[in-house]
Amino acid sequence: MEHTADWELEVWGPDMPALIAEAARGMYGLMEVKTSEDSRCHRRLEFFADDREQLLVSFLGELLFLAEAESLAFDGFLLKVDGTSLVARLEGGSIMSRSKEIKAVTYHRLEISETERGLETSIIFDV
């Protein structure tokens, strides 16, 4: 959902790793990121948080940082969530193009809910 200063993305997945991966894919989709297939890279990241929402925001925030600071984006996600800790093994490449900018991932109205199809949330991005 678009707004002049914010974008809202609804995501769902059967479990927390799937929800996080779909949120990352959705965020890159909003930014219209295209990565190089020639320069593949791998990263390992670890996060510890007070709750699932903080875990999600921390992970997406780090992906935004890596896009800005190192011009990297990821399309391969091997994620292990244990409570409120996350170990991520990522595969991606250099960003060849990006049409839109996201400034930040917000906590505004962020709540991960359990539903019939698994976990769901809406993430609001500051643009």
Protein backbone atom coordinates (compact mmCIF):
# COMPACT_ATOMS: atom_id res chain seq x y z
CA MET A 1 0.00 0.00 0.00
CA GLU A 2 1.48 3.31 -1.04
CA HIS A 3 1.43 6.61 0.81
CA THR A 4 3.42 9.77 0.12
CA ALA A 5 6.02 9.07 2.81
CA ASP A 6 5.41 5.41 3.66
CA TRP A 7 4.88 2.05 2.01
CA GLU A 8 3.12 -0.81 3.74
CA LEU A 9 3.89 -4.41 2.86
CA GLU A 10 1.75 -7.34 3.99
CA VAL A 11 3.65 -10.62 4.31
CA TRP A 12 2.94 -14.10 5.58
CA GLY A 13 4.67 -17.43 5.89
CA PRO A 14 4.16 -20.81 7.54
CA ASP A 15 6.84 -20.02 10.16
CA MET A 16 9.18 -17.26 11.28
CA PRO A 17 12.06 -18.05 8.86
CA ALA A 18 9.64 -18.03 5.91
CA LEU A 19 8.02 -14.79 7.10
CA ILE A 20 11.41 -13.07 7.39
CA ALA A 21 12.53 -14.29 3.94
CA GLU A 22 9.25 -13.13 2.33
CA ALA A 23 9.58 -9.73 4.04
CA ALA A 24 13.08 -9.36 2.59
CA ARG A 25 11.92 -10.37 -0.90
CA GLY A 26 9.01 -7.95 -0.63
CA MET A 27 11.26 -5.10 0.48
CA TYR A 28 13.62 -5.67 -2.45
CA GLY A 29 10.56 -5.84 -4.73
CA LEU A 30 9.34 -2.46 -3.51
CA MET A 31 12.78 -1.02 -4.22
CA GLU A 32 12.81 -2.68 -7.66
CA VAL A 33 16.28 -4.08 -6.98
CA LYS A 34 18.05 -6.01 -9.72
CA THR A 35 21.21 -7.91 -8.80
CA SER A 36 24.12 -9.15 -10.87
CA GLU A 37 24.34 -12.88 -11.46
CA ASP A 38 28.08 -12.52 -12.18
CA SER A 39 29.23 -11.33 -8.76
CA ARG A 40 27.64 -13.72 -6.27
CA CYS A 41 28.49 -13.39 -2.59
CA HIS A 42 27.61 -15.02 0.72
CA ARG A 43 27.08 -13.48 4.16
CA ARG A 44 26.40 -14.86 7.60
CA LEU A 45 24.54 -12.63 10.04
CA GLU A 46 23.35 -13.13 13.62
CA PHE A 47 20.68 -11.21 15.48
CA PHE A 48 19.36 -11.28 19.03
CA ALA A 49 16.20 -9.41 19.98
CA ASP A 50 13.62 -8.92 22.72
CA ASP A 51 10.76 -10.14 20.50
CA ARG A 52 9.92 -11.37 16.98
CA GLU A 53 9.05 -7.89 15.73
CA GLN A 54 12.43 -6.51 16.77
CA LEU A 55 14.11 -9.49 15.11
CA LEU A 56 12.33 -8.75 11.84
CA VAL A 57 13.09 -5.02 11.91
CA SER A 58 16.77 -5.65 12.79
CA PHE A 59 17.19 -8.09 9.91
CA LEU A 60 15.49 -5.88 7.33
CA GLY A 61 17.39 -2.84 8.61
CA GLU A 62 20.69 -4.67 8.12
CA LEU A 63 19.68 -5.58 4.56
CA LEU A 64 18.95 -1.90 3.87
CA PHE A 65 22.34 -0.97 5.31
CA LEU A 66 24.13 -3.53 3.12
CA ALA A 67 22.25 -2.26 0.06
CA GLU A 68 23.33 1.30 0.77
CA ALA A 69 26.85 0.81 2.14
CA GLU A 70 28.04 -2.12 0.01
CA SER A 71 25.54 -2.16 -2.87
CA LEU A 72 24.54 -5.75 -2.05
CA ALA A 73 21.16 -7.47 -2.16
CA PHE A 74 20.24 -11.05 -1.37
CA ASP A 75 17.89 -13.56 -2.96
CA GLY A 76 18.96 -16.74 -1.17
CA PHE A 77 17.94 -17.09 2.47
CA LEU A 78 18.79 -19.95 4.82
CA LEU A 79 17.40 -18.77 8.14
CA LYS A 80 17.34 -20.42 11.54
CA VAL A 81 15.18 -18.82 14.21
CA ASP A 82 15.38 -19.98 17.81
CA GLY A 83 12.97 -17.93 19.90
CA THR A 84 14.22 -14.39 19.42
CA SER A 85 17.60 -15.17 17.86
CA LEU A 86 18.29 -15.48 14.16
CA VAL A 87 21.21 -16.94 12.24
CA ALA A 88 21.06 -16.03 8.56
CA ARG A 89 23.12 -17.44 5.72
CA LEU A 90 22.53 -15.26 2.71
CA GLU A 91 23.41 -15.49 -0.97
CA GLY A 92 23.18 -12.51 -3.27
CA GLY A 93 25.01 -10.18 -5.56
CA SER A 94 25.91 -6.62 -6.41
CA ILE A 95 23.03 -4.28 -7.06
CA MET A 96 22.90 -3.42 -10.75
CA SER A 97 19.88 -1.12 -10.44
CA ARG A 98 17.43 0.14 -7.85
CA SER A 99 14.51 2.34 -8.86
CA LYS A 100 13.19 3.35 -5.44
CA GLU A 101 14.67 4.16 -2.06
CA ILE A 102 13.59 2.96 1.37
CA LYS A 103 14.99 5.03 4.25
CA ALA A 104 13.99 2.82 7.17
CA VAL A 105 11.93 -0.08 8.46
CA THR A 106 9.52 1.13 11.14
CA TYR A 107 7.80 -0.40 14.15
CA HIS A 108 4.61 1.52 13.37
CA ARG A 109 1.66 -0.89 13.93
CA LEU A 110 4.07 -3.83 13.58
CA GLU A 111 2.65 -6.99 15.10
CA ILE A 112 3.33 -10.56 14.01
CA SER A 113 0.12 -12.57 14.32
CA GLU A 114 -0.58 -16.28 14.15
CA THR A 115 -3.31 -17.07 11.62
CA GLU A 116 -4.70 -20.03 9.71
CA ARG A 117 -1.98 -19.71 7.08
CA GLY A 118 0.87 -19.29 9.57
CA LEU A 119 2.39 -15.98 10.61
CA GLU A 120 1.31 -12.63 9.18
CA THR A 121 2.37 -9.03 9.55
CA SER A 122 2.27 -5.64 7.88
CA ILE A 123 5.54 -3.72 7.69
CA ILE A 124 5.63 0.01 7.14
CA PHE A 125 8.69 1.44 5.41
CA ASP A 126 9.72 5.10 5.55
CA VAL A 127 10.51 6.30 2.01
